[in-house]
């Protein structure tokens, strides 16, 4: 037997479900995002994209001491998506015995270049292989013009970011051609465009392909060059996480994907609960009629 008291309680439950305090929703999202960032869970990513796989396979196929150039163009906002991917690629290059050369095409990106080396090697300028396998050239202004000059002559800046003479470094000692003919991959890192990298490197020096660790919003601007000129690329945080998985070193991107996945799940649950309350209230309204 349904009493008025029972109806009142049911109505109260339905009303509360519809009118969940938004502060509790924010608190829920904060908790589910924070936990995997502090304690990564390693949730499965599913199938690794072809774009990521092709870039990984290309780097993995390069012979030892091949030169890979990283063009840092990531500001603080884009670094959340792109930096972990660059770190994973540097880790791969180190494991393969490749030479890593990098520079910053924007002032915002200058600290991220050095941070990339420190994250993988533990040190940068004071690492025993700095100047042999790793070089950070520093900031080169005027994006495309600067890259064109560097592609013509890898010693174009004369000194690295720490003021050391490039000419005296073992890194460049065995290069009979100091141009981009000696490079095998130029990786753009950031939220800009890769077209200028393709124009000034791959289109001119066919031995050197273009790759990218790009913000997700940039993906549609890369596909016209993929896979002929752009051999492969990482699409946002997911692409970075995929590369971390391929090099067996889950890091910030994998943790970020855990947080993103759980955040989406929490939002779905809240929406479902709200709809349950809505339809329950409509049903009771019809019953009252």
Protein backbone atom coordinates (compact mmCIF):
# COMPACT_ATOMS: atom_id res chain seq x y z
CA UNK A 1 0.00 0.00 0.00
CA UNK A 2 1.48 3.37 -1.09
CA UNK A 3 1.05 6.03 1.58
CA UNK A 4 1.36 9.78 1.24
CA UNK A 5 4.56 9.57 3.27
CA UNK A 6 6.05 7.12 0.77
CA UNK A 7 5.06 9.36 -2.15
CA UNK A 8 6.66 12.32 -0.42
CA UNK A 9 9.89 10.40 0.03
CA UNK A 10 9.88 9.26 -3.60
CA UNK A 11 9.24 12.78 -4.79
CA UNK A 12 12.03 14.07 -2.60
CA UNK A 13 14.44 11.47 -4.07
CA UNK A 14 13.49 12.36 -7.66
CA UNK A 15 13.78 16.07 -6.98
CA UNK A 16 17.21 15.72 -5.39
CA UNK A 17 18.43 13.65 -8.33
CA UNK A 18 17.38 16.39 -10.74
CA UNK A 19 18.78 19.18 -8.63
CA UNK A 20 22.24 17.88 -7.78
CA UNK A 21 24.32 20.77 -6.45
CA UNK A 22 26.79 21.74 -9.19
CA UNK A 23 29.52 22.02 -6.55
CA UNK A 24 29.33 18.27 -5.97
CA UNK A 25 29.73 17.69 -9.70
CA UNK A 26 32.87 19.86 -9.74
CA UNK A 27 34.18 18.02 -6.68
CA UNK A 28 33.59 14.66 -8.35
CA UNK A 29 35.41 15.74 -11.52
CA UNK A 30 38.30 17.14 -9.45
CA UNK A 31 38.70 13.86 -7.57
CA UNK A 32 38.53 11.53 -10.59
CA UNK A 33 41.01 13.69 -12.52
CA UNK A 34 43.45 14.18 -9.64
CA UNK A 35 43.76 10.56 -8.54
CA UNK A 36 45.18 9.10 -11.83
CA UNK A 37 47.52 12.08 -12.24
CA UNK A 38 49.08 11.30 -8.84
CA UNK A 39 48.76 7.51 -9.18
CA UNK A 40 48.64 6.56 -12.90
CA UNK A 41 46.38 3.58 -13.49
CA UNK A 42 47.56 2.51 -16.93
CA UNK A 43 44.12 2.22 -18.50
CA UNK A 44 44.29 0.56 -21.94
CA UNK A 45 44.46 2.97 -24.90
CA UNK A 46 43.12 0.54 -27.46
CA UNK A 47 44.69 0.28 -30.91
CA UNK A 48 47.71 2.51 -31.47
CA UNK A 49 47.07 4.86 -34.39
CA UNK A 50 48.82 4.37 -37.74
CA UNK A 51 50.25 7.89 -37.53
CA UNK A 52 52.03 7.08 -34.26
CA UNK A 53 53.10 3.63 -35.40
CA UNK A 54 54.64 4.93 -38.64
CA UNK A 55 56.68 7.54 -36.76
CA UNK A 56 57.87 4.97 -34.23
CA UNK A 57 58.78 2.47 -36.96
CA UNK A 58 60.71 5.08 -38.92
CA UNK A 59 62.78 6.17 -35.91
CA UNK A 60 63.32 2.55 -34.92
CA UNK A 61 64.70 1.77 -38.39
CA UNK A 62 67.30 4.54 -38.40
CA UNK A 63 70.94 3.42 -38.12
CA UNK A 64 72.95 4.48 -35.08
CA UNK A 65 74.23 8.08 -35.03
CA UNK A 66 71.55 9.27 -37.47
CA UNK A 67 70.57 12.87 -36.74
CA UNK A 68 67.07 13.71 -35.51
CA UNK A 69 66.18 17.40 -35.20
CA UNK A 70 63.50 18.57 -32.75
CA UNK A 71 61.95 21.96 -33.52
CA UNK A 72 60.48 23.22 -30.25
CA UNK A 73 57.53 25.56 -30.77
CA UNK A 74 55.42 24.59 -27.74
CA UNK A 75 54.26 27.22 -25.27
CA UNK A 76 53.01 26.23 -21.79
CA UNK A 77 49.51 25.45 -23.11
CA UNK A 78 50.63 23.18 -25.97
CA UNK A 79 53.36 21.56 -23.86
CA UNK A 80 50.75 19.62 -21.87
CA UNK A 81 49.94 17.68 -25.06
CA UNK A 82 53.24 17.77 -26.93
CA UNK A 83 56.07 17.66 -24.38
CA UNK A 84 55.45 14.06 -23.23
CA UNK A 85 55.52 12.91 -26.86
CA UNK A 86 58.82 14.69 -27.49
CA UNK A 87 60.27 13.17 -24.31
CA UNK A 88 59.18 9.69 -25.43
CA UNK A 89 60.80 10.21 -28.85
CA UNK A 90 64.03 11.46 -27.27
CA UNK A 91 63.99 8.38 -25.06
CA UNK A 92 63.63 6.23 -28.19
CA UNK A 93 66.49 8.07 -29.93
CA UNK A 94 68.75 7.59 -26.90
CA UNK A 95 67.96 3.87 -26.79
CA UNK A 96 68.78 3.57 -30.51
CA UNK A 97 72.04 5.52 -30.24
CA UNK A 98 70.80 8.34 -32.48
CA UNK A 99 72.06 11.90 -32.41
CA UNK A 100 69.55 14.45 -31.07
CA UNK A 101 69.76 18.08 -32.14
CA UNK A 102 67.17 20.60 -31.00
CA UNK A 103 66.34 24.26 -31.06
CA UNK A 104 63.47 26.57 -30.14
CA UNK A 105 61.64 28.50 -32.85
CA UNK A 106 59.72 30.56 -30.26
CA UNK A 107 60.89 32.14 -27.02
CA UNK A 108 58.19 30.31 -25.04
CA UNK A 109 59.67 26.98 -26.09
CA UNK A 110 63.25 27.67 -24.95
CA UNK A 111 62.93 26.05 -21.49
CA UNK A 112 61.06 23.02 -22.86
CA UNK A 113 63.96 22.02 -25.10
CA UNK A 114 66.37 21.84 -22.17
CA UNK A 115 63.71 20.15 -20.04
CA UNK A 116 63.29 17.44 -22.68
CA UNK A 117 66.95 16.43 -22.40
CA UNK A 118 66.94 16.63 -18.60
CA UNK A 119 63.84 14.46 -18.32
CA UNK A 120 65.45 11.66 -20.34
CA UNK A 121 69.14 12.02 -19.50
CA UNK A 122 68.91 13.50 -16.02
CA UNK A 123 71.28 16.25 -17.16
CA UNK A 124 71.75 18.42 -20.23
CA UNK A 125 74.88 20.55 -20.72
CA UNK A 126 76.86 18.58 -18.13
CA UNK A 127 75.94 15.17 -19.52
CA UNK A 128 79.06 13.24 -20.70
CA UNK A 129 77.53 12.72 -24.16
CA UNK A 130 76.47 16.33 -24.63
CA UNK A 131 78.27 17.65 -27.69
CA UNK A 132 78.71 14.06 -28.89
CA UNK A 133 75.19 12.69 -29.22
CA UNK A 134 73.07 15.61 -27.98
CA UNK A 135 73.09 19.31 -28.86
CA UNK A 136 70.71 22.11 -27.87
CA UNK A 137 71.25 25.02 -30.24
CA UNK A 138 68.90 27.38 -28.40
CA UNK A 139 66.58 29.99 -29.85
CA UNK A 140 66.56 30.73 -33.58
CA UNK A 141 64.15 33.56 -34.50
CA UNK A 142 61.92 34.03 -37.56
CA UNK A 143 60.58 30.47 -37.71
CA UNK A 144 60.77 29.49 -41.39
CA UNK A 145 63.70 31.77 -42.27
CA UNK A 146 65.63 30.49 -39.25
CA UNK A 147 64.98 26.87 -40.16
CA UNK A 148 66.03 27.48 -43.77
CA UNK A 149 69.35 28.91 -42.55
CA UNK A 150 69.92 26.00 -40.17
CA UNK A 151 69.07 23.47 -42.88
CA UNK A 152 71.67 25.07 -45.13
CA UNK A 153 74.32 24.90 -42.42
CA UNK A 154 73.89 23.05 -39.10
CA UNK A 155 76.62 25.30 -37.65
CA UNK A 156 74.72 28.43 -38.66
CA UNK A 157 74.32 29.73 -35.09
CA UNK A 158 78.05 29.18 -34.34
CA UNK A 159 77.32 28.49 -30.64
CA UNK A 160 74.79 26.41 -28.72
CA UNK A 161 72.37 27.66 -26.06
CA UNK A 162 75.11 27.40 -23.42
CA UNK A 163 77.59 29.46 -25.44
CA UNK A 164 79.74 26.52 -26.52
CA UNK A 165 81.36 26.43 -29.94
CA UNK A 166 79.53 24.07 -32.32
CA UNK A 167 82.47 23.63 -34.67
CA UNK A 168 84.54 21.95 -31.95
CA UNK A 169 81.84 19.43 -31.02
CA UNK A 170 82.22 15.76 -31.89
CA UNK A 171 78.52 15.78 -32.86
CA UNK A 172 79.35 17.50 -36.15
CA UNK A 173 82.90 16.20 -36.62
CA UNK A 174 82.18 13.33 -39.01
CA UNK A 175 79.66 15.20 -41.18
CA UNK A 176 81.01 15.75 -44.66
CA UNK A 177 77.87 17.76 -45.42
CA UNK A 178 76.74 20.13 -42.67
CA UNK A 179 73.36 20.75 -44.32
CA UNK A 180 70.05 18.95 -43.75
CA UNK A 181 71.26 16.32 -46.22
CA UNK A 182 72.85 14.81 -43.09
CA UNK A 183 69.59 14.82 -41.12
CA UNK A 184 67.11 11.95 -41.24
CA UNK A 185 64.13 13.41 -39.40
CA UNK A 186 62.89 16.88 -38.42
CA UNK A 187 60.22 16.72 -35.70
CA UNK A 188 57.97 19.73 -35.16
CA UNK A 189 56.71 20.04 -31.56
CA UNK A 190 53.89 22.49 -30.90
CA UNK A 191 50.49 23.87 -31.89
CA UNK A 192 51.51 25.76 -35.03
CA UNK A 193 51.87 24.31 -38.53
CA UNK A 194 54.24 21.81 -40.11
CA UNK A 195 53.97 23.17 -43.66
CA UNK A 196 57.02 25.40 -43.24
CA UNK A 197 59.07 22.45 -41.97
CA UNK A 198 58.08 20.40 -45.01
CA UNK A 199 58.89 23.31 -47.34
CA UNK A 200 62.31 24.11 -45.91
CA UNK A 201 63.49 20.59 -45.05
CA UNK A 202 61.78 17.62 -46.70
CA UNK A 203 60.95 19.34 -49.99
CA UNK A 204 64.56 20.50 -50.36
CA UNK A 205 66.46 17.71 -48.63
CA UNK A 206 64.57 14.53 -49.49
CA UNK A 207 66.74 12.39 -47.20
CA UNK A 208 65.13 14.08 -44.20
CA UNK A 209 61.47 13.35 -43.46
CA UNK A 210 59.18 15.45 -41.28
CA UNK A 211 57.49 14.23 -38.10
CA UNK A 212 55.49 15.96 -35.40
CA UNK A 213 54.30 15.87 -31.81
CA UNK A 214 51.38 18.19 -32.45
CA UNK A 215 48.45 19.59 -30.52
CA UNK A 216 45.27 17.75 -31.48
CA UNK A 217 43.77 20.82 -33.18
CA UNK A 218 46.65 20.76 -35.67
CA UNK A 219 45.95 17.27 -37.00
CA UNK A 220 43.78 18.32 -39.95
CA UNK A 221 46.56 20.61 -41.19
CA UNK A 222 49.08 17.75 -41.21
CA UNK A 223 47.12 15.12 -43.12
CA UNK A 224 47.68 16.74 -46.56
CA UNK A 225 51.42 15.98 -46.10
CA UNK A 226 50.95 12.52 -44.61
CA UNK A 227 52.46 10.00 -45.26
CA UNK A 228 54.68 11.17 -48.15
CA UNK A 229 56.44 14.16 -46.56
CA UNK A 230 55.28 13.77 -42.96
CA UNK A 231 56.28 10.19 -42.22
CA UNK A 232 54.16 10.03 -39.06
CA UNK A 233 52.98 12.22 -36.20
CA UNK A 234 51.55 12.19 -32.68
CA UNK A 235 48.04 13.61 -32.35
CA UNK A 236 47.72 15.48 -29.07
CA UNK A 237 47.86 13.85 -25.66
CA UNK A 238 46.67 10.49 -26.97
CA UNK A 239 49.45 10.32 -29.56
CA UNK A 240 52.01 11.13 -26.85
CA UNK A 241 50.56 8.40 -24.63
CA UNK A 242 50.69 5.92 -27.51
CA UNK A 243 54.37 6.63 -28.08
CA UNK A 244 55.07 6.24 -24.36
CA UNK A 245 53.46 2.80 -24.54
CA UNK A 246 55.48 1.85 -27.63
CA UNK A 247 58.77 2.75 -25.92
CA UNK A 248 57.56 0.98 -22.75
CA UNK A 249 57.86 4.08 -20.61
CA UNK A 250 54.41 5.35 -19.52
CA UNK A 251 54.65 8.92 -18.25
CA UNK A 252 52.75 12.18 -18.09
CA UNK A 253 50.73 11.52 -21.24
CA UNK A 254 49.55 8.09 -20.07
CA UNK A 255 48.55 9.60 -16.72
CA UNK A 256 46.79 12.42 -18.54
CA UNK A 257 44.82 9.93 -20.64
CA UNK A 258 43.78 8.09 -17.47
CA UNK A 259 42.50 11.38 -16.05
CA UNK A 260 40.75 12.27 -19.30
CA UNK A 261 39.06 8.88 -19.57
CA UNK A 262 37.84 8.89 -15.96
CA UNK A 263 36.72 12.52 -16.28
CA UNK A 264 34.60 11.62 -19.32
CA UNK A 265 33.18 8.62 -17.45
CA UNK A 266 32.23 10.80 -14.48
CA UNK A 267 30.45 13.28 -16.75
CA UNK A 268 28.53 10.46 -18.45
CA UNK A 269 27.42 9.11 -15.06
CA UNK A 270 26.21 12.54 -13.92
CA UNK A 271 24.28 13.02 -17.18
CA UNK A 272 22.67 9.57 -16.83
CA UNK A 273 21.63 10.29 -13.25
CA UNK A 274 20.14 13.63 -14.29
CA UNK A 275 18.13 11.93 -17.05
CA UNK A 276 16.90 9.24 -14.68
CA UNK A 277 15.61 11.96 -12.39
CA UNK A 278 14.00 13.81 -15.29
CA UNK A 279 12.14 10.81 -16.69
CA UNK A 280 11.14 9.65 -13.20
CA UNK A 281 9.63 13.04 -12.45
CA UNK A 282 7.69 13.01 -15.75
CA UNK A 283 6.38 9.55 -14.97
CA UNK A 284 5.21 10.63 -11.53
CA UNK A 285 3.64 13.74 -13.05
CA UNK A 286 1.59 11.62 -15.43
CA UNK A 287 0.65 9.31 -12.59
CA UNK A 288 -0.60 12.28 -10.58
CA UNK A 289 -2.83 13.34 -13.47
